[in-house]
Each structure stands twice: as C-alpha cells, then as structure tokens.
Amino acid sequence: MDTTDPLVFRLAGPLGPDDVPRLCAELAELLDGAAAGTPVDCDVGGVTGPGLVTVEALARLRLTAQRLGHPLAVRGAAPGLRALLRLVGLEGLLGEVTPPGGPEGRTTGTSASRPGTT
C-alpha cells in the first residue's frame, strides 16, 4: 500500500485558453525534484464557471504529470464539472474524480433494499 502523501495542485477562478500552458509549467515546477510516482491531487474546488477550457486544462495537466512519472487525481469537482467530464468521455481518463468534500461524500449506488427483489 502506498502511503506517500500526495502533492496538491490547486486551480481557482475562471480558466482561459492562455492559462493552460502556464498551469502545465507550474505543475512541472511543482513536480521537479519530487520522488517518482508521488501522486498529485488536482484540487478544482476553486474553479468558477467550468467549461471546455477546464476540461482541456485537466487533460493536459494529467498528461504533464504522467510524462513526469506521477499519477494525477481530480479532487473537489463540482457536479457540473463531473457531468462535463462524463459527457466528453474523460472522467475515467483523468483518474478518480471526487465530489467537493472529499471521498467521504455521497457515492453512486445504494445499499438499501429494493422493493420486489430478493
């Protein structure tokens, strides 16, 4: 079991197309000198008005992290962003996408019994 504490990379505000290369450079700088395989949590809880630029940023950040030997997981994604990632087919590609509040938040599915089933 990996007990390495993840590095945290935070995104905030509205993102524009010109932000994407800068964010990738900032992530590369954060990972410079980090032990290979150190996980990165990309906290998107501060992103406002997520759209396709946000999706592009997350995809490129994921590629940057992978190129440098680090897994990247998205944290704090609002329901609209999670839906957008699903819509474009990138939710699974980006790793674990957790709702705001972390993994202890409500998950899909239920353990409640269903009427009419055994």
N, C-alpha and C. Protein backbone atom coordinates (compact mmCIF):
# COMPACT_ATOMS: atom_id res chain seq x y z
N MET A 1 0.84 -1.18 0.00
CA MET A 1 0.00 0.00 0.00
C MET A 1 0.89 1.24 0.00
N ASP A 2 0.58 2.18 -0.88
CA ASP A 2 1.36 3.42 -1.00
C ASP A 2 0.89 4.40 0.07
N THR A 3 1.82 4.84 0.91
CA THR A 3 1.47 5.80 1.97
C THR A 3 2.05 7.18 1.69
N THR A 4 2.50 7.40 0.46
CA THR A 4 3.06 8.70 0.08
C THR A 4 1.97 9.75 0.10
N ASP A 5 2.22 10.84 0.82
CA ASP A 5 1.26 11.95 0.81
C ASP A 5 1.29 12.60 -0.56
N PRO A 6 0.10 12.88 -1.12
CA PRO A 6 0.07 13.50 -2.44
C PRO A 6 0.47 14.97 -2.39
N LEU A 7 1.03 15.43 -3.49
CA LEU A 7 1.24 16.86 -3.67
C LEU A 7 -0.11 17.44 -4.08
N VAL A 8 -0.37 18.68 -3.71
CA VAL A 8 -1.64 19.30 -4.06
C VAL A 8 -1.39 20.44 -5.03
N PHE A 9 -2.12 20.42 -6.14
CA PHE A 9 -2.06 21.46 -7.15
C PHE A 9 -3.46 22.04 -7.26
N ARG A 10 -3.61 23.32 -6.93
CA ARG A 10 -4.93 23.94 -6.88
C ARG A 10 -5.21 24.81 -8.11
N LEU A 11 -6.42 24.66 -8.62
CA LEU A 11 -6.90 25.53 -9.70
C LEU A 11 -8.01 26.39 -9.12
N ALA A 12 -8.04 27.65 -9.51
CA ALA A 12 -9.07 28.56 -9.00
C ALA A 12 -9.46 29.57 -10.06
N GLY A 13 -10.68 30.10 -9.90
CA GLY A 13 -11.17 31.15 -10.78
C GLY A 13 -11.59 30.61 -12.13
N PRO A 14 -12.00 31.49 -13.00
CA PRO A 14 -12.30 31.06 -14.36
C PRO A 14 -10.99 30.80 -15.10
N LEU A 15 -10.96 29.78 -15.92
CA LEU A 15 -9.76 29.46 -16.70
C LEU A 15 -9.97 29.86 -18.15
N GLY A 16 -8.95 30.46 -18.72
CA GLY A 16 -8.97 30.83 -20.13
C GLY A 16 -7.96 29.99 -20.89
N PRO A 17 -8.07 29.97 -22.22
CA PRO A 17 -7.13 29.17 -23.02
C PRO A 17 -5.67 29.51 -22.77
N ASP A 18 -5.37 30.77 -22.49
CA ASP A 18 -3.98 31.17 -22.26
C ASP A 18 -3.44 30.66 -20.93
N ASP A 19 -4.32 30.22 -20.03
CA ASP A 19 -3.89 29.71 -18.73
C ASP A 19 -3.31 28.30 -18.80
N VAL A 20 -3.73 27.52 -19.80
CA VAL A 20 -3.39 26.10 -19.84
C VAL A 20 -1.88 25.85 -19.90
N PRO A 21 -1.12 26.47 -20.82
CA PRO A 21 0.33 26.24 -20.83
C PRO A 21 1.01 26.68 -19.53
N ARG A 22 0.54 27.79 -18.96
CA ARG A 22 1.11 28.27 -17.70
C ARG A 22 0.88 27.25 -16.58
N LEU A 23 -0.33 26.71 -16.52
CA LEU A 23 -0.64 25.72 -15.48
C LEU A 23 0.21 24.47 -15.62
N CYS A 24 0.41 24.03 -16.85
CA CYS A 24 1.27 22.86 -17.08
C CYS A 24 2.70 23.13 -16.64
N ALA A 25 3.20 24.33 -16.90
CA ALA A 25 4.55 24.71 -16.47
C ALA A 25 4.63 24.76 -14.94
N GLU A 26 3.60 25.29 -14.30
CA GLU A 26 3.58 25.35 -12.84
C GLU A 26 3.55 23.94 -12.23
N LEU A 27 2.79 23.04 -12.85
CA LEU A 27 2.75 21.66 -12.35
C LEU A 27 4.12 21.00 -12.51
N ALA A 28 4.75 21.21 -13.67
CA ALA A 28 6.08 20.64 -13.89
C ALA A 28 7.07 21.16 -12.86
N GLU A 29 6.96 22.43 -12.51
CA GLU A 29 7.83 23.02 -11.49
C GLU A 29 7.57 22.39 -10.12
N LEU A 30 6.30 22.19 -9.79
CA LEU A 30 5.95 21.55 -8.52
C LEU A 30 6.53 20.14 -8.44
N LEU A 31 6.51 19.43 -9.56
CA LEU A 31 6.97 18.04 -9.58
C LEU A 31 8.47 17.90 -9.70
N ASP A 32 9.16 18.99 -10.03
CA ASP A 32 10.61 18.96 -10.15
C ASP A 32 11.22 18.57 -8.81
N GLY A 33 11.91 17.47 -8.80
CA GLY A 33 12.56 17.02 -7.57
C GLY A 33 11.70 16.11 -6.71
N ALA A 34 10.43 15.95 -7.03
CA ALA A 34 9.57 15.04 -6.27
C ALA A 34 9.93 13.61 -6.64
N ALA A 35 9.81 12.72 -5.68
CA ALA A 35 10.11 11.31 -5.92
C ALA A 35 9.18 10.77 -7.00
N ALA A 36 9.73 9.98 -7.90
CA ALA A 36 8.93 9.39 -8.97
C ALA A 36 7.75 8.65 -8.37
N GLY A 37 6.61 8.81 -8.97
CA GLY A 37 5.41 8.12 -8.51
C GLY A 37 4.63 8.85 -7.44
N THR A 38 5.15 9.98 -6.95
CA THR A 38 4.41 10.76 -5.96
C THR A 38 3.10 11.21 -6.58
N PRO A 39 1.97 10.88 -5.95
CA PRO A 39 0.69 11.27 -6.53
C PRO A 39 0.45 12.77 -6.42
N VAL A 40 -0.36 13.27 -7.35
CA VAL A 40 -0.74 14.68 -7.37
C VAL A 40 -2.26 14.76 -7.28
N ASP A 41 -2.75 15.51 -6.30
CA ASP A 41 -4.17 15.81 -6.20
C ASP A 41 -4.39 17.17 -6.83
N CYS A 42 -5.18 17.22 -7.90
CA CYS A 42 -5.52 18.48 -8.55
C CYS A 42 -6.84 18.94 -7.97
N ASP A 43 -6.77 19.92 -7.08
CA ASP A 43 -7.96 20.44 -6.39
C ASP A 43 -8.61 21.49 -7.27
N VAL A 44 -9.81 21.17 -7.77
CA VAL A 44 -10.52 22.08 -8.66
C VAL A 44 -11.70 22.75 -7.96
N GLY A 45 -11.73 22.68 -6.64
CA GLY A 45 -12.83 23.26 -5.88
C GLY A 45 -12.98 24.76 -6.05
N GLY A 46 -11.92 25.46 -6.42
CA GLY A 46 -11.98 26.90 -6.59
C GLY A 46 -12.25 27.36 -8.01
N VAL A 47 -12.47 26.42 -8.92
CA VAL A 47 -12.73 26.79 -10.32
C VAL A 47 -14.16 27.32 -10.44
N THR A 48 -14.30 28.46 -11.08
CA THR A 48 -15.63 29.03 -11.31
C THR A 48 -15.95 28.94 -12.79
N GLY A 49 -17.19 28.66 -13.10
CA GLY A 49 -17.62 28.59 -14.50
C GLY A 49 -16.87 27.56 -15.31
N PRO A 50 -16.77 26.30 -14.82
CA PRO A 50 -16.01 25.31 -15.58
C PRO A 50 -16.65 25.07 -16.95
N GLY A 51 -15.79 24.90 -17.94
CA GLY A 51 -16.23 24.64 -19.30
C GLY A 51 -15.20 23.79 -20.01
N LEU A 52 -15.21 23.83 -21.32
CA LEU A 52 -14.29 23.00 -22.08
C LEU A 52 -12.83 23.40 -21.87
N VAL A 53 -12.56 24.65 -21.54
CA VAL A 53 -11.18 25.04 -21.23
C VAL A 53 -10.71 24.33 -19.96
N THR A 54 -11.59 24.20 -18.99
CA THR A 54 -11.25 23.47 -17.76
C THR A 54 -10.95 22.01 -18.09
N VAL A 55 -11.76 21.41 -18.94
CA VAL A 55 -11.54 20.03 -19.35
C VAL A 55 -10.19 19.90 -20.05
N GLU A 56 -9.90 20.83 -20.96
CA GLU A 56 -8.61 20.80 -21.65
C GLU A 56 -7.46 20.94 -20.66
N ALA A 57 -7.60 21.85 -19.71
CA ALA A 57 -6.55 22.05 -18.70
C ALA A 57 -6.32 20.77 -17.92
N LEU A 58 -7.39 20.12 -17.47
CA LEU A 58 -7.24 18.89 -16.69
C LEU A 58 -6.60 17.77 -17.52
N ALA A 59 -7.01 17.66 -18.77
CA ALA A 59 -6.41 16.63 -19.63
C ALA A 59 -4.92 16.89 -19.84
N ARG A 60 -4.56 18.13 -20.08
CA ARG A 60 -3.14 18.45 -20.31
C ARG A 60 -2.33 18.36 -19.03
N LEU A 61 -2.93 18.71 -17.89
CA LEU A 61 -2.24 18.53 -16.61
C LEU A 61 -2.00 17.05 -16.34
N ARG A 62 -2.98 16.22 -16.66
CA ARG A 62 -2.82 14.78 -16.49
C ARG A 62 -1.67 14.28 -17.35
N LEU A 63 -1.62 14.71 -18.60
CA LEU A 63 -0.53 14.30 -19.49
C LEU A 63 0.83 14.78 -18.98
N THR A 64 0.88 16.00 -18.47
CA THR A 64 2.13 16.54 -17.93
C THR A 64 2.60 15.70 -16.75
N ALA A 65 1.68 15.39 -15.83
CA ALA A 65 2.04 14.58 -14.67
C ALA A 65 2.51 13.19 -15.10
N GLN A 66 1.79 12.57 -16.02
CA GLN A 66 2.18 11.23 -16.50
C GLN A 66 3.55 11.25 -17.15
N ARG A 67 3.78 12.27 -17.96
CA ARG A 67 5.08 12.38 -18.64
C ARG A 67 6.23 12.44 -17.63
N LEU A 68 5.95 13.05 -16.48
CA LEU A 68 6.97 13.20 -15.44
C LEU A 68 6.94 12.06 -14.42
N GLY A 69 6.08 11.06 -14.65
CA GLY A 69 6.06 9.87 -13.81
C GLY A 69 5.19 9.96 -12.57
N HIS A 70 4.13 10.75 -12.62
CA HIS A 70 3.27 10.94 -11.46
C HIS A 70 1.80 10.73 -11.83
N PRO A 71 1.05 10.03 -10.98
CA PRO A 71 -0.39 9.93 -11.21
C PRO A 71 -1.08 11.21 -10.75
N LEU A 72 -2.16 11.59 -11.44
CA LEU A 72 -2.90 12.79 -11.08
C LEU A 72 -4.36 12.41 -10.88
N ALA A 73 -4.94 12.88 -9.78
CA ALA A 73 -6.35 12.66 -9.49
C ALA A 73 -7.02 14.00 -9.26
N VAL A 74 -8.24 14.14 -9.75
CA VAL A 74 -9.00 15.36 -9.60
C VAL A 74 -9.78 15.30 -8.30
N ARG A 75 -9.74 16.37 -7.53
CA ARG A 75 -10.45 16.45 -6.25
C ARG A 75 -11.32 17.69 -6.23
N GLY A 76 -12.45 17.60 -5.54
CA GLY A 76 -13.31 18.75 -5.33
C GLY A 76 -14.09 19.20 -6.55
N ALA A 77 -14.30 18.30 -7.49
CA ALA A 77 -15.03 18.68 -8.71
C ALA A 77 -16.51 18.85 -8.40
N ALA A 78 -17.04 19.99 -8.80
CA ALA A 78 -18.47 20.27 -8.63
C ALA A 78 -19.27 19.37 -9.57
N PRO A 79 -20.54 19.16 -9.27
CA PRO A 79 -21.36 18.28 -10.12
C PRO A 79 -21.35 18.67 -11.59
N GLY A 80 -21.35 19.96 -11.90
CA GLY A 80 -21.34 20.38 -13.30
C GLY A 80 -20.07 19.96 -14.02
N LEU A 81 -18.93 20.07 -13.34
CA LEU A 81 -17.67 19.66 -13.94
C LEU A 81 -17.61 18.15 -14.10
N ARG A 82 -18.07 17.42 -13.08
CA ARG A 82 -18.10 15.95 -13.20
C ARG A 82 -18.97 15.53 -14.38
N ALA A 83 -20.12 16.19 -14.54
CA ALA A 83 -21.02 15.87 -15.66
C ALA A 83 -20.34 16.19 -17.00
N LEU A 84 -19.63 17.30 -17.07
CA LEU A 84 -18.94 17.68 -18.29
C LEU A 84 -17.84 16.67 -18.63
N LEU A 85 -17.11 16.22 -17.62
CA LEU A 85 -16.07 15.22 -17.85
C LEU A 85 -16.68 13.92 -18.36
N ARG A 86 -17.82 13.53 -17.79
CA ARG A 86 -18.51 12.33 -18.28
C ARG A 86 -18.97 12.53 -19.73
N LEU A 87 -19.52 13.69 -20.02
CA LEU A 87 -20.05 13.98 -21.34
C LEU A 87 -18.99 13.85 -22.43
N VAL A 88 -17.79 14.32 -22.15
CA VAL A 88 -16.72 14.25 -23.15
C VAL A 88 -15.90 12.97 -23.04
N GLY A 89 -16.27 12.08 -22.13
CA GLY A 89 -15.61 10.79 -22.02
C GLY A 89 -14.28 10.81 -21.31
N LEU A 90 -14.06 11.81 -20.45
CA LEU A 90 -12.75 11.93 -19.80
C LEU A 90 -12.77 11.65 -18.30
N GLU A 91 -13.89 11.37 -17.70
CA GLU A 91 -13.92 11.17 -16.26
C GLU A 91 -12.98 10.05 -15.83
N GLY A 92 -13.07 8.90 -16.46
CA GLY A 92 -12.20 7.80 -16.10
C GLY A 92 -10.76 8.04 -16.49
N LEU A 93 -10.55 8.72 -17.60
CA LEU A 93 -9.20 9.00 -18.07
C LEU A 93 -8.43 9.87 -17.09
N LEU A 94 -9.13 10.78 -16.42
CA LEU A 94 -8.47 11.70 -15.50
C LEU A 94 -8.21 11.11 -14.13
N GLY A 95 -8.58 9.88 -13.91
CA GLY A 95 -8.38 9.28 -12.61
C GLY A 95 -9.61 9.47 -11.75
N GLU A 96 -9.45 9.25 -10.48
CA GLU A 96 -10.58 9.35 -9.57
C GLU A 96 -11.04 10.80 -9.48
N VAL A 97 -12.28 11.03 -9.77
CA VAL A 97 -12.86 12.36 -9.67
C VAL A 97 -13.79 12.35 -8.47
N THR A 98 -13.44 13.10 -7.45
CA THR A 98 -14.24 13.09 -6.23
C THR A 98 -15.03 14.38 -6.10
N PRO A 99 -16.21 14.28 -5.47
CA PRO A 99 -17.03 15.47 -5.28
C PRO A 99 -16.44 16.40 -4.24
N PRO A 100 -16.94 17.64 -4.16
CA PRO A 100 -16.48 18.54 -3.11
C PRO A 100 -16.67 17.89 -1.75
N GLY A 101 -15.72 18.08 -0.87
CA GLY A 101 -15.81 17.48 0.45
C GLY A 101 -15.02 16.19 0.56
N GLY A 102 -14.47 15.72 -0.53
CA GLY A 102 -13.61 14.56 -0.48
C GLY A 102 -14.34 13.25 -0.66
N PRO A 103 -13.59 12.15 -0.52
CA PRO A 103 -14.13 10.83 -0.81
C PRO A 103 -15.23 10.40 0.14
N GLU A 104 -15.36 11.05 1.28
CA GLU A 104 -16.41 10.64 2.21
C GLU A 104 -17.78 11.14 1.77
N GLY A 105 -17.83 11.92 0.69
CA GLY A 105 -19.11 12.41 0.16
C GLY A 105 -19.94 11.28 -0.39
N ARG A 106 -21.18 11.55 -0.72
CA ARG A 106 -22.09 10.54 -1.23
C ARG A 106 -21.55 9.94 -2.52
N THR A 107 -21.69 8.64 -2.63
CA THR A 107 -21.26 7.95 -3.83
C THR A 107 -22.49 7.44 -4.57
N THR A 108 -22.29 7.02 -5.80
CA THR A 108 -23.41 6.50 -6.56
C THR A 108 -23.77 5.12 -6.04
N GLY A 109 -25.01 4.73 -6.30
CA GLY A 109 -25.47 3.43 -5.84
C GLY A 109 -26.03 3.51 -4.44
N THR A 110 -26.56 2.41 -4.00
CA THR A 110 -27.14 2.36 -2.67
C THR A 110 -27.06 0.96 -2.13
N SER A 111 -27.08 0.85 -0.83
CA SER A 111 -27.11 -0.47 -0.21
C SER A 111 -28.52 -0.80 0.28
N ALA A 112 -29.47 0.13 0.07
CA ALA A 112 -30.83 -0.09 0.51
C ALA A 112 -31.48 -1.19 -0.33
N SER A 113 -32.38 -1.94 0.33
CA SER A 113 -33.07 -2.99 -0.40
C SER A 113 -34.06 -2.34 -1.37
N ARG A 114 -34.33 -3.06 -2.45
CA ARG A 114 -35.26 -2.57 -3.46
C ARG A 114 -36.54 -3.39 -3.39
N PRO A 115 -37.68 -2.72 -3.37
CA PRO A 115 -38.93 -3.48 -3.36
C PRO A 115 -39.01 -4.38 -4.58
N GLY A 116 -39.48 -5.59 -4.35
CA GLY A 116 -39.69 -6.50 -5.46
C GLY A 116 -38.47 -7.32 -5.83
N THR A 117 -37.37 -7.20 -5.09
CA THR A 117 -36.19 -8.01 -5.36
C THR A 117 -35.90 -8.86 -4.14
N THR A 118 -35.16 -9.94 -4.35
CA THR A 118 -34.82 -10.80 -3.22
C THR A 118 -33.38 -10.69 -2.89
